[in-house]
Protein backbone atom coordinates (compact mmCIF):
# COMPACT_ATOMS: atom_id res chain seq x y z
CA MET A 1 15.84 -16.09 -10.73
CA ILE A 2 18.45 -16.81 -8.06
CA ILE A 3 17.13 -14.02 -5.86
CA THR A 4 13.74 -15.72 -5.71
CA ASN A 5 15.23 -18.91 -4.28
CA ASN A 6 16.80 -16.98 -1.38
CA PHE A 7 14.37 -14.09 -1.14
CA VAL A 8 13.22 -14.65 2.45
CA LEU A 9 16.77 -14.95 3.80
CA LEU A 10 17.95 -11.91 1.85
CA ALA A 11 14.98 -9.82 2.93
CA GLN A 12 15.66 -10.62 6.60
CA SER A 13 19.36 -9.70 6.41
CA PRO A 14 20.43 -6.28 7.74
CA TYR A 15 22.42 -5.61 4.53
CA ASP A 16 20.89 -7.77 1.83
CA ASN A 17 17.45 -6.23 2.25
CA TYR A 18 18.93 -3.11 0.64
CA ALA A 19 19.90 -5.16 -2.42
CA ILE A 20 16.34 -6.44 -2.73
CA GLN A 21 14.97 -2.90 -2.43
CA PHE A 22 17.45 -1.68 -5.06
CA LEU A 23 16.29 -4.40 -7.46
CA MET A 24 12.69 -3.43 -6.85
CA GLU A 25 13.50 0.17 -7.74
CA LYS A 26 15.46 -0.63 -10.90
CA LEU A 27 13.65 -3.60 -12.46
CA PRO A 28 10.33 -3.24 -14.28
CA THR A 29 7.35 -4.55 -12.35
CA ASN A 30 6.75 -7.41 -14.79
CA GLU A 31 10.20 -8.82 -13.97
CA LEU A 32 9.43 -8.81 -10.24
CA ASN A 33 6.42 -11.12 -10.37
CA GLU A 34 8.35 -14.12 -9.01
CA ILE A 35 9.62 -12.03 -6.10
CA PHE A 36 6.12 -10.72 -5.41
CA ASP A 37 4.81 -14.30 -5.35
CA VAL A 38 7.35 -15.34 -2.70
CA LEU A 39 6.70 -12.17 -0.75
CA ASN A 40 2.95 -12.80 -0.77
CA GLU A 41 3.49 -16.31 0.62
CA ASN A 42 5.56 -14.91 3.51
CA ILE A 43 4.11 -11.44 3.94
CA PHE A 44 2.92 -11.85 7.53
CA ASN A 45 6.30 -12.95 8.89
CA LEU A 46 8.29 -10.54 6.74
CA SER A 47 6.16 -7.55 7.71
CA LEU A 48 6.81 -8.14 11.42
CA GLN A 49 10.60 -8.21 11.20
CA GLN A 50 12.82 -5.14 11.38
CA PHE A 51 14.71 -5.42 8.10
CA SER A 52 12.30 -7.32 5.90
CA SER A 53 9.47 -4.93 6.73
CA ASN A 54 11.31 -2.36 4.61
CA VAL A 55 11.21 -4.79 1.68
CA VAL A 56 7.48 -5.28 2.19
CA GLU A 57 6.96 -1.52 2.22
CA LYS A 58 9.00 -1.11 -0.98
CA SER A 59 7.00 -3.87 -2.66
CA PHE A 60 3.75 -2.01 -1.90
CA GLU A 61 5.17 1.05 -3.66
CA LYS A 62 6.12 -1.03 -6.70
CA MET A 63 3.12 -3.38 -7.06
CA ASP A 64 0.23 -2.53 -9.32
């Protein structure tokens, strides 16, 4: 998935983080596994930043 390759940059962007959150809301959880893998590898840094912390929060809502 193209999003997976650029996930960290998109999650940190003031506008693109909304696109990631929208995908998380609309796609089934089984299609988000690649994104969750990248997020797990970078969760500490992403959770500390203003925009990407929203993506981390949304992922917690969506993960099993």
